[in-house]
Amino acid sequence: MRKSYIREKKILCGEEYLAVGVYPVTDQEHRQRGRKCKESDRGQKARNKAASLRRQMRKTLANFDKNGFWLTGTYQDEYAPECYEDCVRDVKNYKRRAIRAIMRRFGVDKRRIRLKLYACRNGDNGRDHLHGFAQVQGLDAAQRRELRGMLGGPLRGALCWRTYGGSGSPGPGSTSPWGPWT
């Protein structure tokens, strides 16, 4: 006889949001854990992916509020990386450089800067790009607008990303927090 179980999980995300998840558990999952013998079925893979996305959403809701903003960057064709690992390296370098530039420009402590950036690829042979959230605690509205424009500027020393979500980028011949525009 096949049994089915229902599990409920409640997670407090910050002060204003409570995530509640109700999901089915098979008899195999309900038993003691053992060594994995076979690959997960398609339904379980879908549930695992949905759970992963929910964890990312809860982390974002707990750490960012209305003063943060969404950031998306795509490579220009001439600067597109050869492989996904190069894109991940570029995103890590961008995060490090952005934090340093924000600390220098606004004079804030590193603990007040919240950047959640990650590299993405559309499909197996898709285009590499960047998604993320940015927020600096303690900035007024004018400084937040300046921060948005600053993060919308060029990355990696040369203009290699088209960044959306910022309020604009400097034009050729001008300078930005990342160095001269080339």
N, C-alpha and C. Protein backbone atom coordinates (compact mmCIF):
# COMPACT_ATOMS: atom_id res chain seq x y z
N MET A 1 0.84 -1.18 0.00
CA MET A 1 0.00 0.00 0.00
C MET A 1 0.88 1.24 0.00
N ARG A 2 0.58 2.16 -0.87
CA ARG A 2 1.37 3.38 -0.99
C ARG A 2 0.79 4.44 -0.07
N LYS A 3 1.66 5.04 0.71
CA LYS A 3 1.24 6.10 1.62
C LYS A 3 1.72 7.43 1.08
N SER A 4 1.02 8.47 1.43
CA SER A 4 1.48 9.82 1.07
C SER A 4 1.43 10.69 2.32
N TYR A 5 2.38 11.57 2.41
CA TYR A 5 2.49 12.47 3.54
C TYR A 5 2.52 13.90 3.02
N ILE A 6 2.06 14.80 3.83
CA ILE A 6 2.10 16.22 3.52
C ILE A 6 2.95 16.89 4.58
N ARG A 7 3.87 17.73 4.13
CA ARG A 7 4.76 18.43 5.06
C ARG A 7 4.52 19.92 4.93
N GLU A 8 4.56 20.62 6.05
CA GLU A 8 4.40 22.07 6.07
C GLU A 8 5.66 22.68 6.67
N LYS A 9 6.12 23.75 6.03
CA LYS A 9 7.32 24.43 6.52
C LYS A 9 7.05 25.92 6.54
N LYS A 10 7.28 26.55 7.71
CA LYS A 10 7.09 27.99 7.86
C LYS A 10 8.44 28.64 8.10
N ILE A 11 8.72 29.71 7.35
CA ILE A 11 10.01 30.40 7.47
C ILE A 11 9.74 31.89 7.57
N LEU A 12 10.28 32.52 8.59
CA LEU A 12 10.16 33.96 8.78
C LEU A 12 11.26 34.64 7.98
N CYS A 13 10.88 35.50 7.03
CA CYS A 13 11.83 36.22 6.16
C CYS A 13 11.78 37.70 6.52
N GLY A 14 12.70 38.15 7.33
CA GLY A 14 12.69 39.54 7.75
C GLY A 14 11.58 39.79 8.74
N GLU A 15 11.16 41.04 8.84
CA GLU A 15 10.14 41.41 9.81
C GLU A 15 8.73 41.40 9.23
N GLU A 16 8.62 41.45 7.90
CA GLU A 16 7.31 41.65 7.30
C GLU A 16 6.80 40.48 6.48
N TYR A 17 7.54 39.40 6.35
CA TYR A 17 7.14 38.35 5.42
C TYR A 17 7.31 36.98 6.05
N LEU A 18 6.29 36.15 5.93
CA LEU A 18 6.33 34.77 6.40
C LEU A 18 6.05 33.87 5.20
N ALA A 19 7.01 33.00 4.88
CA ALA A 19 6.84 32.07 3.77
C ALA A 19 6.36 30.74 4.32
N VAL A 20 5.28 30.23 3.75
CA VAL A 20 4.74 28.94 4.17
C VAL A 20 4.73 28.03 2.95
N GLY A 21 5.30 26.85 3.12
CA GLY A 21 5.33 25.89 2.03
C GLY A 21 4.67 24.59 2.45
N VAL A 22 3.76 24.08 1.63
CA VAL A 22 3.12 22.79 1.84
C VAL A 22 3.47 21.94 0.64
N TYR A 23 4.10 20.78 0.89
CA TYR A 23 4.52 19.95 -0.22
C TYR A 23 4.38 18.48 0.12
N PRO A 24 4.17 17.67 -0.92
CA PRO A 24 3.99 16.23 -0.69
C PRO A 24 5.32 15.54 -0.44
N VAL A 25 5.28 14.49 0.35
CA VAL A 25 6.46 13.68 0.64
C VAL A 25 6.10 12.23 0.34
N THR A 26 6.90 11.57 -0.47
CA THR A 26 6.62 10.18 -0.81
C THR A 26 7.06 9.28 0.35
N ASP A 27 6.62 8.03 0.29
CA ASP A 27 6.97 7.07 1.33
C ASP A 27 8.48 6.85 1.38
N GLN A 28 9.11 6.84 0.22
CA GLN A 28 10.56 6.66 0.16
C GLN A 28 11.29 7.80 0.87
N GLU A 29 10.82 9.04 0.68
CA GLU A 29 11.44 10.19 1.35
C GLU A 29 11.16 10.19 2.84
N HIS A 30 10.02 9.61 3.24
CA HIS A 30 9.62 9.62 4.64
C HIS A 30 10.47 8.67 5.48
N ARG A 31 10.94 7.60 4.84
CA ARG A 31 11.77 6.63 5.56
C ARG A 31 13.13 7.22 5.91
N GLN A 32 13.91 6.44 6.66
CA GLN A 32 15.27 6.88 7.03
C GLN A 32 16.08 7.14 5.77
N ARG A 33 16.93 8.13 5.84
CA ARG A 33 17.77 8.47 4.70
C ARG A 33 18.84 7.42 4.52
N GLY A 34 19.10 7.10 3.32
CA GLY A 34 20.14 6.14 2.99
C GLY A 34 20.93 6.63 1.80
N ARG A 35 21.80 5.81 1.32
CA ARG A 35 22.60 6.15 0.17
C ARG A 35 21.69 6.26 -1.06
N LYS A 36 21.94 7.27 -1.89
CA LYS A 36 21.12 7.48 -3.07
C LYS A 36 21.39 6.38 -4.09
N CYS A 37 20.36 5.65 -4.46
CA CYS A 37 20.52 4.51 -5.36
C CYS A 37 20.17 4.86 -6.80
N LYS A 38 19.20 5.72 -7.00
CA LYS A 38 18.79 6.06 -8.36
C LYS A 38 18.56 7.56 -8.48
N GLU A 39 18.54 8.01 -9.71
CA GLU A 39 18.35 9.42 -9.98
C GLU A 39 16.94 9.86 -9.61
N SER A 40 16.80 11.08 -9.17
CA SER A 40 15.48 11.61 -8.82
C SER A 40 14.60 11.67 -10.05
N ASP A 41 13.29 11.48 -9.84
CA ASP A 41 12.39 11.56 -10.98
C ASP A 41 12.17 13.02 -11.36
N ARG A 42 11.51 13.24 -12.49
CA ARG A 42 11.33 14.58 -13.01
C ARG A 42 10.53 15.47 -12.06
N GLY A 43 9.52 14.90 -11.42
CA GLY A 43 8.71 15.67 -10.47
C GLY A 43 9.53 16.14 -9.28
N GLN A 44 10.40 15.26 -8.77
CA GLN A 44 11.24 15.63 -7.63
C GLN A 44 12.24 16.70 -8.03
N LYS A 45 12.79 16.61 -9.24
CA LYS A 45 13.72 17.63 -9.72
C LYS A 45 13.02 18.98 -9.82
N ALA A 46 11.77 18.97 -10.27
CA ALA A 46 11.01 20.22 -10.36
C ALA A 46 10.75 20.79 -8.97
N ARG A 47 10.42 19.93 -8.00
CA ARG A 47 10.22 20.41 -6.63
C ARG A 47 11.50 20.96 -6.04
N ASN A 48 12.64 20.30 -6.31
CA ASN A 48 13.93 20.79 -5.82
C ASN A 48 14.26 22.16 -6.39
N LYS A 49 13.99 22.33 -7.70
CA LYS A 49 14.26 23.63 -8.33
C LYS A 49 13.36 24.71 -7.73
N ALA A 50 12.08 24.39 -7.54
CA ALA A 50 11.16 25.37 -6.95
C ALA A 50 11.59 25.72 -5.53
N ALA A 51 12.05 24.73 -4.77
CA ALA A 51 12.52 25.00 -3.40
C ALA A 51 13.76 25.89 -3.43
N SER A 52 14.64 25.67 -4.38
CA SER A 52 15.83 26.50 -4.51
C SER A 52 15.45 27.95 -4.81
N LEU A 53 14.49 28.15 -5.71
CA LEU A 53 14.04 29.50 -6.03
C LEU A 53 13.36 30.16 -4.84
N ARG A 54 12.59 29.38 -4.08
CA ARG A 54 11.96 29.94 -2.88
C ARG A 54 13.00 30.38 -1.86
N ARG A 55 14.07 29.58 -1.69
CA ARG A 55 15.14 29.97 -0.75
C ARG A 55 15.79 31.28 -1.19
N GLN A 56 16.03 31.42 -2.49
CA GLN A 56 16.62 32.66 -3.00
C GLN A 56 15.67 33.84 -2.75
N MET A 57 14.37 33.63 -2.96
CA MET A 57 13.40 34.69 -2.75
C MET A 57 13.36 35.10 -1.28
N ARG A 58 13.36 34.11 -0.38
CA ARG A 58 13.33 34.43 1.05
C ARG A 58 14.58 35.18 1.48
N LYS A 59 15.72 34.80 0.96
CA LYS A 59 16.97 35.49 1.28
C LYS A 59 16.91 36.95 0.81
N THR A 60 16.37 37.15 -0.38
CA THR A 60 16.24 38.51 -0.91
C THR A 60 15.26 39.33 -0.08
N LEU A 61 14.10 38.77 0.25
CA LEU A 61 13.11 39.50 1.04
C LEU A 61 13.62 39.84 2.43
N ALA A 62 14.46 38.98 2.98
CA ALA A 62 14.98 39.22 4.33
C ALA A 62 16.07 40.28 4.35
N ASN A 63 16.79 40.47 3.24
CA ASN A 63 17.94 41.35 3.24
C ASN A 63 17.78 42.66 2.49
N PHE A 64 16.73 42.78 1.66
CA PHE A 64 16.55 44.00 0.87
C PHE A 64 15.16 44.55 1.12
N ASP A 65 15.04 45.88 1.09
CA ASP A 65 13.74 46.51 1.27
C ASP A 65 13.46 47.44 0.09
N LYS A 66 12.53 48.37 0.24
CA LYS A 66 12.12 49.23 -0.86
C LYS A 66 13.22 50.19 -1.32
N ASN A 67 14.27 50.37 -0.53
CA ASN A 67 15.36 51.26 -0.92
C ASN A 67 16.40 50.57 -1.80
N GLY A 68 16.28 49.28 -1.98
CA GLY A 68 17.18 48.56 -2.87
C GLY A 68 16.65 48.59 -4.29
N PHE A 69 17.45 48.11 -5.23
CA PHE A 69 17.00 48.05 -6.62
C PHE A 69 17.56 46.83 -7.31
N TRP A 70 16.88 46.46 -8.40
CA TRP A 70 17.21 45.30 -9.22
C TRP A 70 18.24 45.72 -10.26
N LEU A 71 19.20 44.86 -10.50
CA LEU A 71 20.27 45.17 -11.44
C LEU A 71 20.42 44.02 -12.43
N THR A 72 20.44 44.33 -13.71
CA THR A 72 20.66 43.33 -14.75
C THR A 72 21.71 43.85 -15.69
N GLY A 73 22.70 43.04 -15.99
CA GLY A 73 23.75 43.44 -16.93
C GLY A 73 23.97 42.37 -17.97
N THR A 74 24.14 42.78 -19.23
CA THR A 74 24.45 41.84 -20.30
C THR A 74 25.75 42.27 -20.96
N TYR A 75 26.48 41.32 -21.48
CA TYR A 75 27.73 41.62 -22.17
C TYR A 75 27.45 42.23 -23.54
N GLN A 76 28.30 43.16 -23.95
CA GLN A 76 28.29 43.57 -25.34
C GLN A 76 28.99 42.47 -26.13
N ASP A 77 28.68 42.36 -27.39
CA ASP A 77 29.14 41.22 -28.19
C ASP A 77 30.65 41.07 -28.18
N GLU A 78 31.39 42.17 -28.27
CA GLU A 78 32.84 42.05 -28.36
C GLU A 78 33.51 41.64 -27.05
N TYR A 79 32.79 41.73 -25.94
CA TYR A 79 33.36 41.36 -24.64
C TYR A 79 32.74 40.10 -24.05
N ALA A 80 31.93 39.40 -24.81
CA ALA A 80 31.27 38.19 -24.30
C ALA A 80 32.32 37.14 -23.91
N PRO A 81 32.16 36.50 -22.76
CA PRO A 81 33.17 35.52 -22.32
C PRO A 81 33.09 34.22 -23.13
N GLU A 82 34.19 33.49 -23.09
CA GLU A 82 34.27 32.22 -23.80
C GLU A 82 33.41 31.15 -23.13
N CYS A 83 33.38 31.16 -21.80
CA CYS A 83 32.64 30.12 -21.08
C CYS A 83 31.93 30.73 -19.87
N TYR A 84 31.06 29.96 -19.27
CA TYR A 84 30.27 30.41 -18.13
C TYR A 84 31.17 30.74 -16.93
N GLU A 85 32.25 29.99 -16.74
CA GLU A 85 33.16 30.23 -15.61
C GLU A 85 33.80 31.61 -15.70
N ASP A 86 34.08 32.09 -16.93
CA ASP A 86 34.61 33.44 -17.10
C ASP A 86 33.58 34.49 -16.67
N CYS A 87 32.31 34.23 -16.96
CA CYS A 87 31.24 35.14 -16.55
C CYS A 87 31.15 35.19 -15.02
N VAL A 88 31.24 34.02 -14.37
CA VAL A 88 31.19 33.97 -12.91
C VAL A 88 32.37 34.77 -12.32
N ARG A 89 33.55 34.62 -12.90
CA ARG A 89 34.72 35.36 -12.44
C ARG A 89 34.52 36.87 -12.62
N ASP A 90 33.95 37.28 -13.77
CA ASP A 90 33.68 38.71 -14.00
C ASP A 90 32.69 39.26 -12.97
N VAL A 91 31.66 38.48 -12.63
CA VAL A 91 30.67 38.94 -11.65
C VAL A 91 31.32 39.10 -10.28
N LYS A 92 32.17 38.16 -9.88
CA LYS A 92 32.87 38.27 -8.59
C LYS A 92 33.78 39.48 -8.57
N ASN A 93 34.49 39.71 -9.66
CA ASN A 93 35.37 40.88 -9.74
C ASN A 93 34.55 42.17 -9.71
N TYR A 94 33.42 42.19 -10.40
CA TYR A 94 32.56 43.36 -10.40
C TYR A 94 32.05 43.67 -9.00
N LYS A 95 31.65 42.64 -8.28
CA LYS A 95 31.14 42.84 -6.92
C LYS A 95 32.23 43.44 -6.03
N ARG A 96 33.43 42.90 -6.12
CA ARG A 96 34.55 43.41 -5.32
C ARG A 96 34.83 44.87 -5.67
N ARG A 97 34.87 45.19 -6.95
CA ARG A 97 35.16 46.57 -7.38
C ARG A 97 34.03 47.52 -7.03
N ALA A 98 32.78 47.05 -7.14
CA ALA A 98 31.63 47.90 -6.81
C ALA A 98 31.63 48.25 -5.34
N ILE A 99 31.89 47.27 -4.48
CA ILE A 99 31.92 47.54 -3.04
C ILE A 99 33.00 48.56 -2.71
N ARG A 100 34.16 48.40 -3.29
CA ARG A 100 35.25 49.33 -3.03
C ARG A 100 34.91 50.74 -3.52
N ALA A 101 34.30 50.85 -4.71
CA ALA A 101 33.92 52.16 -5.24
C ALA A 101 32.82 52.81 -4.40
N ILE A 102 31.87 52.04 -3.92
CA ILE A 102 30.79 52.58 -3.08
C ILE A 102 31.36 53.09 -1.76
N MET A 103 32.27 52.31 -1.16
CA MET A 103 32.89 52.74 0.10
C MET A 103 33.65 54.05 -0.11
N ARG A 104 34.35 54.16 -1.22
CA ARG A 104 35.15 55.36 -1.50
C ARG A 104 34.24 56.55 -1.79
N ARG A 105 33.19 56.36 -2.59
CA ARG A 105 32.34 57.48 -3.01
C ARG A 105 31.43 57.98 -1.88
N PHE A 106 30.81 57.08 -1.15
CA PHE A 106 29.82 57.49 -0.15
C PHE A 106 30.36 57.46 1.27
N GLY A 107 31.54 56.92 1.48
CA GLY A 107 32.14 56.88 2.81
C GLY A 107 31.38 56.00 3.79
N VAL A 108 30.82 54.90 3.31
CA VAL A 108 30.07 54.00 4.18
C VAL A 108 30.93 52.78 4.52
N ASP A 109 30.57 52.13 5.61
CA ASP A 109 31.26 50.93 6.04
C ASP A 109 30.82 49.76 5.15
N LYS A 110 31.69 48.80 4.97
CA LYS A 110 31.42 47.65 4.11
C LYS A 110 30.21 46.86 4.58
N ARG A 111 29.96 46.84 5.89
CA ARG A 111 28.81 46.07 6.42
C ARG A 111 27.47 46.68 6.04
N ARG A 112 27.45 47.95 5.62
CA ARG A 112 26.20 48.61 5.24
C ARG A 112 25.86 48.42 3.76
N ILE A 113 26.76 47.77 3.01
CA ILE A 113 26.56 47.55 1.58
C ILE A 113 26.02 46.13 1.37
N ARG A 114 24.92 46.03 0.66
CA ARG A 114 24.34 44.72 0.36
C ARG A 114 24.28 44.55 -1.14
N LEU A 115 25.05 43.62 -1.65
CA LEU A 115 25.04 43.28 -3.07
C LEU A 115 24.83 41.78 -3.19
N LYS A 116 23.81 41.39 -3.90
CA LYS A 116 23.57 39.99 -4.19
C LYS A 116 23.59 39.86 -5.70
N LEU A 117 24.72 39.40 -6.23
CA LEU A 117 24.90 39.30 -7.67
C LEU A 117 25.17 37.86 -8.06
N TYR A 118 24.68 37.45 -9.20
CA TYR A 118 24.95 36.11 -9.67
C TYR A 118 24.93 36.09 -11.19
N ALA A 119 25.75 35.19 -11.75
CA ALA A 119 25.84 35.03 -13.20
C ALA A 119 24.75 34.08 -13.66
N CYS A 120 24.21 34.32 -14.85
CA CYS A 120 23.14 33.51 -15.41
C CYS A 120 23.43 33.22 -16.87
N ARG A 121 22.80 32.17 -17.37
CA ARG A 121 22.88 31.84 -18.79
C ARG A 121 21.49 31.41 -19.24
N ASN A 122 21.06 31.93 -20.37
CA ASN A 122 19.76 31.55 -20.93
C ASN A 122 19.93 30.27 -21.74
N GLY A 123 19.50 29.16 -21.21
CA GLY A 123 19.61 27.88 -21.91
C GLY A 123 21.05 27.37 -21.93
N ASP A 124 21.27 26.25 -22.62
CA ASP A 124 22.60 25.66 -22.67
C ASP A 124 23.57 26.50 -23.50
N ASN A 125 23.10 27.04 -24.60
CA ASN A 125 23.97 27.84 -25.48
C ASN A 125 23.56 29.30 -25.47
N GLY A 126 22.96 29.75 -24.39
CA GLY A 126 22.44 31.11 -24.31
C GLY A 126 23.51 32.13 -24.00
N ARG A 127 23.05 33.34 -23.80
CA ARG A 127 23.92 34.48 -23.55
C ARG A 127 24.15 34.62 -22.05
N ASP A 128 25.42 34.81 -21.65
CA ASP A 128 25.75 35.02 -20.24
C ASP A 128 25.38 36.44 -19.83
N HIS A 129 24.89 36.60 -18.61
CA HIS A 129 24.53 37.91 -18.11
C HIS A 129 24.54 37.90 -16.58
N LEU A 130 24.22 39.03 -15.99
CA LEU A 130 24.27 39.22 -14.55
C LEU A 130 22.91 39.66 -14.05
N HIS A 131 22.51 39.13 -12.90
CA HIS A 131 21.31 39.59 -12.20
C HIS A 131 21.71 39.86 -10.76
N GLY A 132 20.97 40.74 -10.12
CA GLY A 132 21.26 40.96 -8.72
C GLY A 132 20.43 42.06 -8.11
N PHE A 133 20.67 42.26 -6.81
CA PHE A 133 20.05 43.31 -6.03
C PHE A 133 21.14 44.13 -5.38
N ALA A 134 20.90 45.42 -5.21
CA ALA A 134 21.88 46.29 -4.57
C ALA A 134 21.16 47.23 -3.61
N GLN A 135 21.79 47.47 -2.48
CA GLN A 135 21.25 48.41 -1.49
C GLN A 135 22.38 48.83 -0.57
N VAL A 136 22.40 50.12 -0.23
CA VAL A 136 23.33 50.65 0.75
C VAL A 136 22.49 51.32 1.82
N GLN A 137 22.63 50.88 3.05
CA GLN A 137 21.85 51.43 4.14
C GLN A 137 22.38 52.82 4.51
N GLY A 138 21.47 53.71 4.79
CA GLY A 138 21.83 55.03 5.27
C GLY A 138 21.97 56.08 4.19
N LEU A 139 21.60 55.80 2.95
CA LEU A 139 21.68 56.80 1.89
C LEU A 139 20.34 57.49 1.72
N ASP A 140 20.38 58.78 1.38
CA ASP A 140 19.14 59.47 1.10
C ASP A 140 18.74 59.23 -0.36
N ALA A 141 17.62 59.81 -0.79
CA ALA A 141 17.09 59.53 -2.12
C ALA A 141 18.05 59.98 -3.23
N ALA A 142 18.67 61.12 -3.09
CA ALA A 142 19.61 61.61 -4.11
C ALA A 142 20.83 60.70 -4.20
N GLN A 143 21.32 60.25 -3.08
CA GLN A 143 22.47 59.35 -3.09
C GLN A 143 22.10 57.98 -3.68
N ARG A 144 20.87 57.53 -3.43
CA ARG A 144 20.44 56.26 -4.02
C ARG A 144 20.36 56.37 -5.54
N ARG A 145 19.87 57.51 -6.05
CA ARG A 145 19.84 57.73 -7.50
C ARG A 145 21.26 57.72 -8.07
N GLU A 146 22.18 58.37 -7.35
CA GLU A 146 23.57 58.39 -7.80
C GLU A 146 24.17 56.98 -7.79
N LEU A 147 23.84 56.20 -6.76
CA LEU A 147 24.32 54.82 -6.68
C LEU A 147 23.79 54.00 -7.85
N ARG A 148 22.52 54.19 -8.19
CA ARG A 148 21.93 53.46 -9.31
C ARG A 148 22.64 53.80 -10.61
N GLY A 149 22.92 55.08 -10.82
CA GLY A 149 23.66 55.48 -12.01
C GLY A 149 25.09 54.97 -12.01
N MET A 150 25.69 54.94 -10.83
CA MET A 150 27.06 54.47 -10.70
C MET A 150 27.17 52.99 -11.04
N LEU A 151 26.22 52.17 -10.57
CA LEU A 151 26.25 50.75 -10.87
C LEU A 151 25.84 50.47 -12.31
N GLY A 152 25.25 51.44 -12.98
CA GLY A 152 24.89 51.29 -14.38
C GLY A 152 26.02 51.62 -15.31
N GLY A 153 27.18 51.97 -14.78
CA GLY A 153 28.33 52.34 -15.60
C GLY A 153 29.10 51.12 -16.09
N PRO A 154 30.24 51.37 -16.71
CA PRO A 154 31.02 50.27 -17.28
C PRO A 154 31.67 49.40 -16.22
N LEU A 155 31.94 48.17 -16.59
CA LEU A 155 32.58 47.21 -15.71
C LEU A 155 33.87 46.70 -16.36
N ARG A 156 34.68 46.06 -15.57
CA ARG A 156 35.88 45.37 -16.02
C ARG A 156 36.85 46.30 -16.73
N GLY A 157 36.87 47.59 -16.38
CA GLY A 157 37.82 48.52 -16.96
C GLY A 157 37.39 49.05 -18.31
N ALA A 158 36.79 48.22 -19.13
CA ALA A 158 36.30 48.64 -20.43
C ALA A 158 34.79 48.45 -20.45
N LEU A 159 34.15 49.02 -21.43
CA LEU A 159 32.70 48.88 -21.53
C LEU A 159 32.38 47.47 -22.01
N CYS A 160 31.99 46.61 -21.11
CA CYS A 160 31.71 45.23 -21.50
C CYS A 160 30.29 44.80 -21.16
N TRP A 161 29.58 45.54 -20.35
CA TRP A 161 28.21 45.19 -19.97
C TRP A 161 27.28 46.31 -20.43
N ARG A 162 26.09 45.94 -20.80
CA ARG A 162 25.00 46.91 -20.89
C ARG A 162 24.19 46.67 -19.63
N THR A 163 24.08 47.64 -18.77
CA THR A 163 23.43 47.44 -17.48
C THR A 163 22.08 48.11 -17.48
N TYR A 164 21.06 47.37 -17.05
CA TYR A 164 19.70 47.89 -16.95
C TYR A 164 19.36 48.02 -15.48
N GLY A 165 18.50 48.92 -15.15
CA GLY A 165 18.12 49.11 -13.77
C GLY A 165 18.78 50.35 -13.21
N GLY A 166 19.85 50.82 -13.82
CA GLY A 166 20.50 52.05 -13.42
C GLY A 166 19.80 53.22 -14.07
N SER A 167 20.07 54.41 -13.60
CA SER A 167 19.40 55.58 -14.15
C SER A 167 20.20 56.19 -15.29
N GLY A 168 21.26 55.55 -15.73
CA GLY A 168 22.03 56.07 -16.84
C GLY A 168 23.50 55.83 -16.65
N SER A 169 24.24 55.97 -17.74
CA SER A 169 25.68 55.74 -17.71
C SER A 169 26.37 56.96 -18.26
N PRO A 170 27.63 57.18 -17.88
CA PRO A 170 28.36 58.30 -18.44
C PRO A 170 28.65 58.05 -19.91
N GLY A 171 28.81 59.11 -20.66
CA GLY A 171 29.08 58.97 -22.09
C GLY A 171 30.57 58.87 -22.37
N PRO A 172 30.95 58.64 -23.62
CA PRO A 172 32.35 58.55 -23.98
C PRO A 172 33.09 59.85 -23.64
N GLY A 173 34.30 59.73 -23.18
CA GLY A 173 35.10 60.90 -22.82
C GLY A 173 34.95 61.30 -21.37
N SER A 174 33.94 60.80 -20.69
CA SER A 174 33.77 61.15 -19.28
C SER A 174 34.39 60.07 -18.41
N THR A 175 34.39 60.30 -17.12
CA THR A 175 34.95 59.31 -16.20
C THR A 175 33.87 58.75 -15.32
N SER A 176 34.11 57.60 -14.76
CA SER A 176 33.16 56.96 -13.86
C SER A 176 33.93 56.43 -12.66
N PRO A 177 33.25 55.89 -11.64
CA PRO A 177 33.96 55.36 -10.48
C PRO A 177 34.88 54.20 -10.82
N TRP A 178 34.70 53.58 -11.99
CA TRP A 178 35.50 52.41 -12.37
C TRP A 178 36.76 52.82 -13.12
N GLY A 179 36.93 54.10 -13.40
CA GLY A 179 38.10 54.54 -14.16
C GLY A 179 37.63 55.23 -15.43
N PRO A 180 38.54 55.65 -16.29
CA PRO A 180 38.15 56.36 -17.49
C PRO A 180 37.35 55.48 -18.44
N TRP A 181 36.42 56.08 -19.14
CA TRP A 181 35.60 55.40 -20.14
C TRP A 181 36.47 55.15 -21.35
N THR A 182 36.48 53.92 -21.84
CA THR A 182 37.31 53.63 -23.01
C THR A 182 36.48 53.17 -24.17
